[in-house]
PDB file of N, CA and C in Angstrom:
ATOM      1  N   MET A   1       9.663   6.606   4.971  1.00  0.00           N
ATOM      2  CA  MET A   1       9.272   6.672   3.958  1.00  0.00           C
ATOM      3  C   MET A   1       9.558   6.465   2.835  1.00  0.00           C
ATOM      4  N   TYR A   2       8.697   5.346   2.022  1.00  0.00           N
ATOM      5  CA  TYR A   2       9.261   4.693   0.984  1.00  0.00           C
ATOM      6  C   TYR A   2       8.881   5.310  -0.192  1.00  0.00           C
ATOM      7  N   GLU A   3       9.523   5.895  -1.414  1.00  0.00           N
ATOM      8  CA  GLU A   3       8.904   6.632  -2.705  1.00  0.00           C
ATOM      9  C   GLU A   3       8.910   4.905  -3.838  1.00  0.00           C
ATOM     10  N   ILE A   4       7.323   5.240  -3.737  1.00  0.00           N
ATOM     11  CA  ILE A   4       6.935   4.069  -4.946  1.00  0.00           C
ATOM     12  C   ILE A   4       7.475   5.035  -6.612  1.00  0.00           C
ATOM     13  N   LEU A   5       8.423   3.750  -7.180  1.00  0.00           N
ATOM     14  CA  LEU A   5       8.625   4.543  -8.254  1.00  0.00           C
ATOM     15  C   LEU A   5       7.653   4.840  -9.615  1.00  0.00           C
ATOM     16  N   LEU A   6       7.267   5.364  -9.801  1.00  0.00           N
ATOM     17  CA  LEU A   6       6.264   5.403 -10.740  1.00  0.00           C
ATOM     18  C   LEU A   6       7.039   5.820 -12.409  1.00  0.00           C
ATOM     19  N   GLU A   7       5.976   4.999 -13.342  1.00  0.00           N
ATOM     20  CA  GLU A   7       6.922   5.539 -14.705  1.00  0.00           C
ATOM     21  C   GLU A   7       6.034   6.360 -15.487  1.00  0.00           C
ATOM     22  N   VAL A   8       6.451   6.954 -16.171  1.00  0.00           N
ATOM     23  CA  VAL A   8       6.027   8.197 -16.819  1.00  0.00           C
ATOM     24  C   VAL A   8       4.781   7.432 -18.110  1.00  0.00           C
ATOM     25  N   LEU A   9       3.796   6.794 -17.197  1.00  0.00           N
ATOM     26  CA  LEU A   9       2.806   6.046 -18.279  1.00  0.00           C
ATOM     27  C   LEU A   9       1.594   6.634 -17.808  1.00  0.00           C
ATOM     28  N   PRO A  10       0.415   6.703 -18.197  1.00  0.00           N
ATOM     29  CA  PRO A  10      -1.198   6.785 -18.062  1.00  0.00           C
ATOM     30  C   PRO A  10      -1.783   5.625 -17.540  1.00  0.00           C
ATOM     31  N   ASN A  11      -1.856   4.516 -17.720  1.00  0.00           N
ATOM     32  CA  ASN A  11      -1.418   3.168 -17.012  1.00  0.00           C
ATOM     33  C   ASN A  11      -0.658   2.089 -16.233  1.00  0.00           C
ATOM     34  N   GLN A  12      -0.422   1.943 -15.156  1.00  0.00           N
ATOM     35  CA  GLN A  12       0.579   0.954 -15.222  1.00  0.00           C
ATOM     36  C   GLN A  12       0.433  -0.001 -13.278  1.00  0.00           C
ATOM     37  N   GLU A  13       1.021  -1.261 -13.416  1.00  0.00           N
ATOM     38  CA  GLU A  13       0.853  -2.050 -12.356  1.00  0.00           C
ATOM     39  C   GLU A  13       1.812  -2.470 -11.664  1.00  0.00           C
ATOM     40  N   ILE A  14       2.462  -1.764 -10.305  1.00  0.00           N
ATOM     41  CA  ILE A  14       3.633  -2.044  -9.672  1.00  0.00           C
ATOM     42  C   ILE A  14       2.817  -3.282  -8.150  1.00  0.00           C
ATOM     43  N   ASN A  15       4.125  -3.967  -8.407  1.00  0.00           N
ATOM     44  CA  ASN A  15       3.906  -5.228  -7.619  1.00  0.00           C
ATOM     45  C   ASN A  15       5.585  -4.688  -7.061  1.00  0.00           C
ATOM     46  N   VAL A  16       5.342  -4.713  -5.503  1.00  0.00           N
ATOM     47  CA  VAL A  16       5.699  -4.052  -4.282  1.00  0.00           C
ATOM     48  C   VAL A  16       5.921  -4.763  -2.867  1.00  0.00           C
ATOM     49  N   MET A  17       7.165  -5.232  -2.300  1.00  0.00           N
ATOM     50  CA  MET A  17       6.847  -5.735  -1.012  1.00  0.00           C
ATOM     51  C   MET A  17       7.296  -4.797  -0.188  1.00  0.00           C
ATOM     52  N   LEU A  18       6.099  -4.969   0.926  1.00  0.00           N
ATOM     53  CA  LEU A  18       6.849  -3.447   1.792  1.00  0.00           C
ATOM     54  C   LEU A  18       6.283  -4.268   3.199  1.00  0.00           C
ATOM     55  N   ASP A  19       6.989  -3.647   4.168  1.00  0.00           N
ATOM     56  CA  ASP A  19       6.559  -4.552   5.743  1.00  0.00           C
ATOM     57  C   ASP A  19       5.898  -6.039   5.603  1.00  0.00           C
ATOM     58  N   ASN A  20       6.996  -6.578   4.637  1.00  0.00           N
ATOM     59  CA  ASN A  20       6.499  -8.267   4.820  1.00  0.00           C
ATOM     60  C   ASN A  20       4.505  -8.072   4.302  1.00  0.00           C
ATOM     61  N   VAL A  21       4.438  -7.762   3.514  1.00  0.00           N
ATOM     62  CA  VAL A  21       3.139  -7.314   2.991  1.00  0.00           C
ATOM     63  C   VAL A  21       3.383  -7.132   1.012  1.00  0.00           C
ATOM     64  N   GLU A  22       2.684  -8.104   0.497  1.00  0.00           N
ATOM     65  CA  GLU A  22       2.599  -7.925  -0.833  1.00  0.00           C
ATOM     66  C   GLU A  22       1.754  -6.980  -1.397  1.00  0.00           C
ATOM     67  N   TYR A  23       2.063  -5.695  -2.101  1.00  0.00           N
ATOM     68  CA  TYR A  23       0.822  -4.566  -3.164  1.00  0.00           C
ATOM     69  C   TYR A  23       1.017  -4.997  -4.207  1.00  0.00           C
ATOM     70  N   ILE A  24       0.041  -4.792  -4.927  1.00  0.00           N
ATOM     71  CA  ILE A  24      -0.321  -4.426  -6.349  1.00  0.00           C
ATOM     72  C   ILE A  24      -0.892  -3.647  -6.745  1.00  0.00           C
ATOM     73  N   LEU A  25      -0.133  -2.214  -7.346  1.00  0.00           N
ATOM     74  CA  LEU A  25      -0.809  -0.936  -7.011  1.00  0.00           C
ATOM     75  C   LEU A  25      -1.255  -1.109  -8.747  1.00  0.00           C
ATOM     76  N   THR A  26      -2.531  -0.577  -8.943  1.00  0.00           N
ATOM     77  CA  THR A  26      -2.971  -0.565 -10.326  1.00  0.00           C
ATOM     78  C   THR A  26      -3.461   1.044 -10.710  1.00  0.00           C
ATOM     79  N   ILE A  27      -2.550   1.889 -11.529  1.00  0.00           N
ATOM     80  CA  ILE A  27      -3.139   2.780 -11.344  1.00  0.00           C
ATOM     81  C   ILE A  27      -3.148   3.041 -13.252  1.00  0.00           C
ATOM     82  N   GLN A  28      -4.342   3.862 -12.839  1.00  0.00           N
ATOM     83  CA  GLN A  28      -4.824   4.451 -14.540  1.00  0.00           C
ATOM     84  C   GLN A  28      -5.126   5.531 -14.662  1.00  0.00           C
ATOM     85  N   THR A  29      -5.570   6.054 -16.128  1.00  0.00           N
ATOM     86  CA  THR A  29      -5.567   7.477 -16.368  1.00  0.00           C
ATOM     87  C   THR A  29      -7.247   7.178 -16.936  1.00  0.00           C
ATOM     88  N   ILE A  30      -8.183   7.953 -16.384  1.00  0.00           N
ATOM     89  CA  ILE A  30      -9.383   8.420 -17.393  1.00  0.00           C
ATOM     90  C   ILE A  30      -9.695   9.805 -17.371  1.00  0.00           C
ATOM     91  N   LYS A  31      -9.593   9.876 -18.557  1.00  0.00           N
ATOM     92  CA  LYS A  31      -9.714  11.689 -19.091  1.00  0.00           C
ATOM     93  C   LYS A  31      -8.352  12.042 -18.417  1.00  0.00           C
ATOM     94  N   ASP A  32      -8.839  13.443 -17.259  1.00  0.00           N
ATOM     95  CA  ASP A  32      -7.793  14.068 -16.654  1.00  0.00           C
ATOM     96  C   ASP A  32      -7.557  13.454 -15.374  1.00  0.00           C
ATOM     97  N   MET A  33      -8.147  12.068 -14.832  1.00  0.00           N
ATOM     98  CA  MET A  33      -7.810  11.811 -13.200  1.00  0.00           C
ATOM     99  C   MET A  33      -7.021  10.679 -13.193  1.00  0.00           C
ATOM    100  N   THR A  34      -6.584  10.566 -12.200  1.00  0.00           N
ATOM    101  CA  THR A  34      -5.993   9.383 -11.953  1.00  0.00           C
ATOM    102  C   THR A  34      -6.312   8.460 -11.039  1.00  0.00           C
ATOM    103  N   ILE A  35      -6.715   7.431 -11.183  1.00  0.00           N
ATOM    104  CA  ILE A  35      -7.424   6.634 -10.422  1.00  0.00           C
ATOM    105  C   ILE A  35      -6.895   5.415  -9.458  1.00  0.00           C
ATOM    106  N   ILE A  36      -6.685   4.784  -8.777  1.00  0.00           N
ATOM    107  CA  ILE A  36      -5.681   3.541  -8.134  1.00  0.00           C
ATOM    108  C   ILE A  36      -6.562   2.227  -7.559  1.00  0.00           C
ATOM    109  N   SER A  37      -6.018   0.924  -7.984  1.00  0.00           N
ATOM    110  CA  SER A  37      -6.755  -0.169  -7.126  1.00  0.00           C
ATOM    111  C   SER A  37      -5.791  -0.725  -6.729  1.00  0.00           C
ATOM    112  N   ILE A  38      -5.795  -1.318  -5.240  1.00  0.00           N
ATOM    113  CA  ILE A  38      -4.908  -1.725  -4.106  1.00  0.00           C
ATOM    114  C   ILE A  38      -4.981  -2.891  -3.876  1.00  0.00           C
ATOM    115  N   THR A  39      -4.205  -4.011  -4.268  1.00  0.00           N
ATOM    116  CA  THR A  39      -4.476  -5.472  -3.411  1.00  0.00           C
ATOM    117  C   THR A  39      -3.456  -5.787  -2.789  1.00  0.00           C
ATOM    118  N   ARG A  40      -3.914  -6.227  -1.592  1.00  0.00           N
ATOM    119  CA  ARG A  40      -2.575  -6.762  -1.044  1.00  0.00           C
ATOM    120  C   ARG A  40      -2.702  -8.171  -0.484  1.00  0.00           C
ATOM    121  N   ASP A  41      -1.839  -8.632  -0.431  1.00  0.00           N
ATOM    122  CA  ASP A  41      -1.596  -9.924  -0.708  1.00  0.00           C
ATOM    123  C   ASP A  41      -2.749 -10.596  -0.974  1.00  0.00           C
ATOM    124  N   ASN A  42      -2.725 -10.559  -2.263  1.00  0.00           N
ATOM    125  CA  ASN A  42      -3.771 -11.116  -2.575  1.00  0.00           C
ATOM    126  C   ASN A  42      -5.151 -10.636  -2.797  1.00  0.00           C
ATOM    127  N   GLU A  43      -5.689  -9.922  -1.831  1.00  0.00           N
ATOM    128  CA  GLU A  43      -6.798  -9.093  -0.960  1.00  0.00           C
ATOM    129  C   GLU A  43      -7.126  -8.076  -1.819  1.00  0.00           C
ATOM    130  N   ILE A  44      -8.123  -7.689  -2.306  1.00  0.00           N
ATOM    131  CA  ILE A  44      -8.606  -6.174  -3.359  1.00  0.00           C
ATOM    132  C   ILE A  44      -9.071  -5.535  -1.779  1.00  0.00           C
ATOM    133  N   ILE A  45      -8.571  -4.332  -1.550  1.00  0.00           N
ATOM    134  CA  ILE A  45      -8.398  -3.665  -0.552  1.00  0.00           C
ATOM    135  C   ILE A  45      -8.960  -2.464  -1.091  1.00  0.00           C
ATOM    136  N   LEU A  46      -8.785  -1.929  -2.263  1.00  0.00           N
ATOM    137  CA  LEU A  46      -9.531  -0.474  -2.801  1.00  0.00           C
ATOM    138  C   LEU A  46      -9.216  -0.919  -4.435  1.00  0.00           C
ATOM    139  N   THR A  47     -10.870  -0.337  -4.796  1.00  0.00           N
ATOM    140  CA  THR A  47     -11.108  -0.502  -6.304  1.00  0.00           C
ATOM    141  C   THR A  47     -10.896   1.226  -6.734  1.00  0.00           C
ATOM    142  N   SER A  48     -10.542   1.403  -8.021  1.00  0.00           N
ATOM    143  CA  SER A  48     -10.965   2.890  -8.319  1.00  0.00           C
ATOM    144  C   SER A  48     -11.017   4.112  -7.933  1.00  0.00           C
ATOM    145  N   GLN A  49     -10.148   4.136  -7.042  1.00  0.00           N
ATOM    146  CA  GLN A  49     -10.313   5.000  -6.273  1.00  0.00           C
ATOM    147  C   GLN A  49      -9.823   6.721  -6.543  1.00  0.00           C
ATOM    148  N   LYS A  50     -10.236   7.554  -6.786  1.00  0.00           N
ATOM    149  CA  LYS A  50      -9.216   8.801  -7.483  1.00  0.00           C
ATOM    150  C   LYS A  50      -8.350   9.393  -6.493  1.00  0.00           C
ATOM    151  N   CYS A  51      -7.743   9.399  -7.251  1.00  0.00           N
ATOM    152  CA  CYS A  51      -5.942  10.037  -6.434  1.00  0.00           C
ATOM    153  C   CYS A  51      -6.325  11.292  -5.677  1.00  0.00           C
ATOM    154  N   VAL A  52      -6.212  11.992  -4.649  1.00  0.00           N
ATOM    155  CA  VAL A  52      -5.959  13.286  -4.460  1.00  0.00           C
ATOM    156  C   VAL A  52      -4.824  13.477  -3.612  1.00  0.00           C
ATOM    157  N   PRO A  53      -3.944  14.589  -3.980  1.00  0.00           N
ATOM    158  CA  PRO A  53      -2.820  14.759  -3.155  1.00  0.00           C
ATOM    159  C   PRO A  53      -3.028  15.104  -1.945  1.00  0.00           C
ATOM    160  N   PHE A  54      -1.885  14.317  -1.116  1.00  0.00           N
ATOM    161  CA  PHE A  54      -1.896  14.663   0.023  1.00  0.00           C
ATOM    162  C   PHE A  54      -3.407  14.131   1.082  1.00  0.00           C
ATOM    163  N   ILE A  55      -3.497  13.263   0.429  1.00  0.00           N
ATOM    164  CA  ILE A  55      -4.576  12.269   1.102  1.00  0.00           C
ATOM    165  C   ILE A  55      -4.348  11.053   1.373  1.00  0.00           C
ATOM    166  N   LEU A  56      -4.608  10.085   2.362  1.00  0.00           N
ATOM    167  CA  LEU A  56      -3.901   8.874   2.242  1.00  0.00           C
ATOM    168  C   LEU A  56      -5.077   8.458   1.114  1.00  0.00           C
ATOM    169  N   LEU A  57      -4.940   7.013   0.695  1.00  0.00           N
ATOM    170  CA  LEU A  57      -5.066   6.422  -0.359  1.00  0.00           C
ATOM    171  C   LEU A  57      -5.896   5.520  -0.062  1.00  0.00           C
ATOM    172  N   ILE A  58      -5.788   4.368   1.506  1.00  0.00           N
ATOM    173  CA  ILE A  58      -6.635   3.580   1.896  1.00  0.00           C
ATOM    174  C   ILE A  58      -7.416   4.571   2.649  1.00  0.00           C
ATOM    175  N   ASN A  59      -8.341   4.872   2.912  1.00  0.00           N
ATOM    176  CA  ASN A  59      -9.245   5.676   4.000  1.00  0.00           C
ATOM    177  C   ASN A  59      -9.623   4.573   5.466  1.00  0.00           C
ATOM    178  N   TYR A  60      -9.898   3.400   5.468  1.00  0.00           N
ATOM    179  CA  TYR A  60     -10.327   3.179   6.564  1.00  0.00           C
ATOM    180  C   TYR A  60      -9.065   2.217   7.252  1.00  0.00           C
ATOM    181  N   LYS A  61      -8.710   2.359   8.496  1.00  0.00           N
ATOM    182  CA  LYS A  61      -7.586   1.628   9.411  1.00  0.00           C
ATOM    183  C   LYS A  61      -8.151   0.830   8.905  1.00  0.00           C
ATOM    184  N   TYR A  62      -8.743  -0.181   9.038  1.00  0.00           N
ATOM    185  CA  TYR A  62      -9.256  -1.648   9.225  1.00  0.00           C
ATOM    186  C   TYR A  62      -8.250  -2.166   7.961  1.00  0.00           C
ATOM    187  N   LEU A  63      -8.312  -1.209   6.781  1.00  0.00           N
ATOM    188  CA  LEU A  63      -8.008  -2.341   5.648  1.00  0.00           C
ATOM    189  C   LEU A  63      -6.540  -2.013   5.748  1.00  0.00           C
ATOM    190  N   THR A  64      -5.977  -1.236   6.288  1.00  0.00           N
ATOM    191  CA  THR A  64      -4.116  -1.261   6.504  1.00  0.00           C
ATOM    192  C   THR A  64      -3.765  -2.645   7.448  1.00  0.00           C
ATOM    193  N   LYS A  65      -2.232  -2.700   6.729  1.00  0.00           N
ATOM    194  CA  LYS A  65      -2.261  -3.863   7.442  1.00  0.00           C
ATOM    195  C   LYS A  65      -0.098  -3.425   6.838  1.00  0.00           C
ATOM    196  N   GLY A  66       0.163  -2.226   7.629  1.00  0.00           N
ATOM    197  CA  GLY A  66       1.524  -2.294   7.844  1.00  0.00           C
ATOM    198  C   GLY A  66       1.962  -1.191   7.430  1.00  0.00           C
ATOM    199  N   GLY A  67       0.720   0.019   6.828  1.00  0.00           N
ATOM    200  CA  GLY A  67       1.102   1.178   6.263  1.00  0.00           C
ATOM    201  C   GLY A  67      -0.286   1.725   5.529  1.00  0.00           C
ATOM    202  N   ASN A  68       0.382   2.629   4.790  1.00  0.00           N
ATOM    203  CA  ASN A  68      -0.485   3.481   3.683  1.00  0.00           C
ATOM    204  C   ASN A  68      -0.062   4.116   2.692  1.00  0.00           C
ATOM    205  N   PHE A  69      -0.543   4.996   1.923  1.00  0.00           N
ATOM    206  CA  PHE A  69       0.246   5.266   0.538  1.00  0.00           C
ATOM    207  C   PHE A  69      -0.374   6.983   0.892  1.00  0.00           C
ATOM    208  N   ILE A  70      -0.033   7.687  -0.139  1.00  0.00           N
ATOM    209  CA  ILE A  70       0.209   9.093  -0.639  1.00  0.00           C
ATOM    210  C   ILE A  70       0.575   9.542  -1.637  1.00  0.00           C
ATOM    211  N   PHE A  71      -0.030  10.705  -2.420  1.00  0.00           N
ATOM    212  CA  PHE A  71       0.939  11.187  -3.427  1.00  0.00           C
ATOM    213  C   PHE A  71       1.566  12.484  -2.724  1.00  0.00           C
ATOM    214  N   ASP A  72       2.308  12.835  -3.221  1.00  0.00           N
ATOM    215  CA  ASP A  72       2.512  14.285  -2.520  1.00  0.00           C
ATOM    216  C   ASP A  72       3.168  15.103  -4.205  1.00  0.00           C
ATOM    217  N   CYS A  73       2.054  15.977  -4.620  1.00  0.00           N
ATOM    218  CA  CYS A  73       2.059  16.576  -5.693  1.00  0.00           C
ATOM    219  C   CYS A  73       2.457  18.420  -5.620  1.00  0.00           C
ATOM    220  N   GLN A  74       3.018  18.689  -6.522  1.00  0.00           N
ATOM    221  CA  GLN A  74       3.560  19.954  -6.279  1.00  0.00           C
ATOM    222  C   GLN A  74       2.432  20.898  -6.493  1.00  0.00           C
ATOM    223  N   ASP A  75       2.498  22.516  -5.911  1.00  0.00           N
ATOM    224  CA  ASP A  75       1.721  22.892  -5.881  1.00  0.00           C
ATOM    225  C   ASP A  75       0.033  22.754  -6.242  1.00  0.00           C
ATOM    226  N   SER A  76       0.171  21.285  -5.280  1.00  0.00           N
ATOM    227  CA  SER A  76      -1.363  21.086  -4.864  1.00  0.00           C
ATOM    228  C   SER A  76      -2.338  20.807  -6.247  1.00  0.00           C
ATOM    229  N   GLU A  77      -1.385  20.222  -7.273  1.00  0.00           N
ATOM    230  CA  GLU A  77      -2.022  19.483  -8.585  1.00  0.00           C
ATOM    231  C   GLU A  77      -2.827  18.292  -8.220  1.00  0.00           C
ATOM    232  N   TYR A  78      -3.754  17.830  -9.077  1.00  0.00           N
ATOM    233  CA  TYR A  78      -4.100  16.215  -8.797  1.00  0.00           C
ATOM    234  C   TYR A  78      -2.466  15.328  -9.559  1.00  0.00           C
ATOM    235  N   PRO A  79      -2.874  14.481  -8.872  1.00  0.00           N
ATOM    236  CA  PRO A  79      -1.554  13.495  -9.782  1.00  0.00           C
ATOM    237  C   PRO A  79      -1.990  12.731 -10.871  1.00  0.00           C
ATOM    238  N   PHE A  80      -0.849  13.142 -11.592  1.00  0.00           N
ATOM    239  CA  PHE A  80      -1.913  13.128 -13.692  1.00  0.00           C
ATOM    240  C   PHE A  80      -0.183  12.397 -13.773  1.00  0.00           C
ATOM    241  N   TRP A  81      -0.098  11.294 -14.608  1.00  0.00           N
ATOM    242  CA  TRP A  81       0.908  10.725 -15.173  1.00  0.00           C
ATOM    243  C   TRP A  81       2.117  11.731 -15.855  1.00  0.00           C
ATOM    244  N   THR A  82       1.659  12.606 -16.262  1.00  0.00           N
ATOM    245  CA  THR A  82       2.278  13.378 -17.185  1.00  0.00           C
ATOM    246  C   THR A  82       3.905  13.590 -16.513  1.00  0.00           C
ATOM    247  N   LYS A  83       3.325  13.903 -14.721  1.00  0.00           N
ATOM    248  CA  LYS A  83       4.419  14.450 -14.410  1.00  0.00           C
ATOM    249  C   LYS A  83       4.928  13.371 -13.090  1.00  0.00           C
ATOM    250  N   PHE A  84       4.125  12.465 -12.897  1.00  0.00           N
ATOM    251  CA  PHE A  84       5.010  11.181 -12.683  1.00  0.00           C
ATOM    252  C   PHE A  84       6.501  10.898 -12.287  1.00  0.00           C
ATOM    253  N   GLY A  85       6.962  10.953 -11.106  1.00  0.00           N
ATOM    254  CA  GLY A  85       8.634  10.955 -10.981  1.00  0.00           C
ATOM    255  C   GLY A  85       9.042  12.820 -10.857  1.00  0.00           C
ATOM    256  N   GLU A  86       8.759  13.141 -11.416  1.00  0.00           N
ATOM    257  CA  GLU A  86       9.336  14.768 -11.240  1.00  0.00           C
ATOM    258  C   GLU A  86       8.309  15.259 -10.345  1.00  0.00           C
ATOM    259  N   LYS A  87       7.071  15.734 -10.796  1.00  0.00           N
ATOM    260  CA  LYS A  87       6.452  16.696  -9.577  1.00  0.00           C
ATOM    261  C   LYS A  87       5.187  16.200  -8.823  1.00  0.00           C
ATOM    262  N   HIS A  88       4.955  14.797  -9.374  1.00  0.00           N
ATOM    263  CA  HIS A  88       3.993  13.984  -8.855  1.00  0.00           C
ATOM    264  C   HIS A  88       4.503  12.358  -8.361  1.00  0.00           C
ATOM    265  N   ARG A  89       5.075  12.317  -6.634  1.00  0.00           N
ATOM    266  CA  ARG A  89       5.395  11.414  -6.233  1.00  0.00           C
ATOM    267  C   ARG A  89       4.406  10.409  -5.317  1.00  0.00           C
ATOM    268  N   LEU A  90       4.479   9.090  -5.457  1.00  0.00           N
ATOM    269  CA  LEU A  90       3.267   8.381  -4.781  1.00  0.00           C
ATOM    270  C   LEU A  90       4.703   7.602  -3.428  1.00  0.00           C
ATOM    271  N   TYR A  91       4.360   7.737  -2.341  1.00  0.00           N
ATOM    272  CA  TYR A  91       4.960   7.027  -1.150  1.00  0.00           C
ATOM    273  C   TYR A  91       4.336   6.091  -0.688  1.00  0.00           C
ATOM    274  N   TYR A  92       4.748   5.317  -0.155  1.00  0.00           N
ATOM    275  CA  TYR A  92       4.670   4.542   0.827  1.00  0.00           C
ATOM    276  C   TYR A  92       4.949   4.741   2.582  1.00  0.00           C
ATOM    277  N   LEU A  93       3.886   5.097   3.958  1.00  0.00           N
ATOM    278  CA  LEU A  93       4.179   5.285   4.777  1.00  0.00           C
ATOM    279  C   LEU A  93       4.258   4.047   5.607  1.00  0.00           C
ATOM    280  N   SER A  94       5.118   3.781   6.563  1.00  0.00           N
ATOM    281  CA  SER A  94       5.269   2.945   7.440  1.00  0.00           C
ATOM    282  C   SER A  94       4.120   2.784   8.438  1.00  0.00           C
ATOM    283  N   ASP A  95       3.014   2.018   9.255  1.00  0.00           N
ATOM    284  CA  ASP A  95       2.513   2.504  10.541  1.00  0.00           C
ATOM    285  C   ASP A  95       3.257   3.406  11.661  1.00  0.00           C
ATOM    286  N   GLU A  96       4.790   2.752  12.080  1.00  0.00           N
ATOM    287  CA  GLU A  96       5.015   4.019  12.605  1.00  0.00           C
ATOM    288  C   GLU A  96       5.352   5.293  12.529  1.00  0.00           C
ATOM    289  N   GLU A  97       5.252   5.817  10.906  1.00  0.00           N
ATOM    290  CA  GLU A  97       5.075   7.048  10.542  1.00  0.00           C
ATOM    291  C   GLU A  97       3.996   7.935  10.322  1.00  0.00           C
ATOM    292  N   LEU A  98       3.015   6.610   9.684  1.00  0.00           N
ATOM    293  CA  LEU A  98       1.568   7.225  10.591  1.00  0.00           C
ATOM    294  C   LEU A  98       1.266   7.675  11.799  1.00  0.00           C
ATOM    295  N   GLN A  99       1.796   7.156  12.838  1.00  0.00           N
ATOM    296  CA  GLN A  99       1.469   7.368  13.963  1.00  0.00           C
ATOM    297  C   GLN A  99       2.037   8.502  14.492  1.00  0.00           C
ATOM    298  N   GLU A 100       3.319   8.840  14.090  1.00  0.00           N
ATOM    299  CA  GLU A 100       3.826   9.873  14.610  1.00  0.00           C
ATOM    300  C   GLU A 100       3.311  11.214  13.349  1.00  0.00           C
ATOM    301  N   LEU A 101       3.187  10.828  11.828  1.00  0.00           N
ATOM    302  CA  LEU A 101       2.526  12.163  11.517  1.00  0.00           C
ATOM    303  C   LEU A 101       1.460  12.465  12.601  1.00  0.00           C
ATOM    304  N   GLN A 102       0.303  11.430  12.935  1.00  0.00           N
ATOM    305  CA  GLN A 102      -0.581  11.606  13.131  1.00  0.00           C
ATOM    306  C   GLN A 102      -0.241  12.147  14.825  1.00  0.00           C
ATOM    307  N   GLU A 103       0.600  12.068  15.572  1.00  0.00           N
ATOM    308  CA  GLU A 103       0.784  12.809  16.538  1.00  0.00           C
ATOM    309  C   GLU A 103       1.361  14.180  16.569  1.00  0.00           C
ATOM    310  N   ASN A 104       1.340  14.326  15.447  1.00  0.00           N
ATOM    311  CA  ASN A 104       1.900  15.724  15.354  1.00  0.00           C
ATOM    312  C   ASN A 104       1.361  16.500  14.826  1.00  0.00           C
ATOM    313  N   VAL A 105       0.332  15.964  14.113  1.00  0.00           N
ATOM    314  CA  VAL A 105      -0.758  16.935  13.768  1.00  0.00           C
ATOM    315  C   VAL A 105      -2.075  17.079  15.239  1.00  0.00           C
ATOM    316  N   ASN A 106      -2.178  16.504  15.922  1.00  0.00           N
ATOM    317  CA  ASN A 106      -2.652  16.911  17.169  1.00  0.00           C
ATOM    318  C   ASN A 106      -2.025  17.504  18.053  1.00  0.00           C
TER     319      ASN A 106
END
């Protein structure tokens, strides 16, 4: 699991290379909601999705290519920029980690 370092800003764009895949994560705040758009190797795979804690951000396996992202938030709060890096963290999980997680759930 790899933590994506978020700045304490309401709107930000993060470029990161993970498992030989280039991702661009665009995080925006609309009122009291955090939304995310994800581009993978110059292909848009997710647009303006509401961020929910402990739920994989890329909903469909066919859209993943090496892993997925998840917010971990204390007290089951929804991700919000004022708590990024402190109580609200964004993680990348590789395919292997996702498989292990799925095996532990079943």
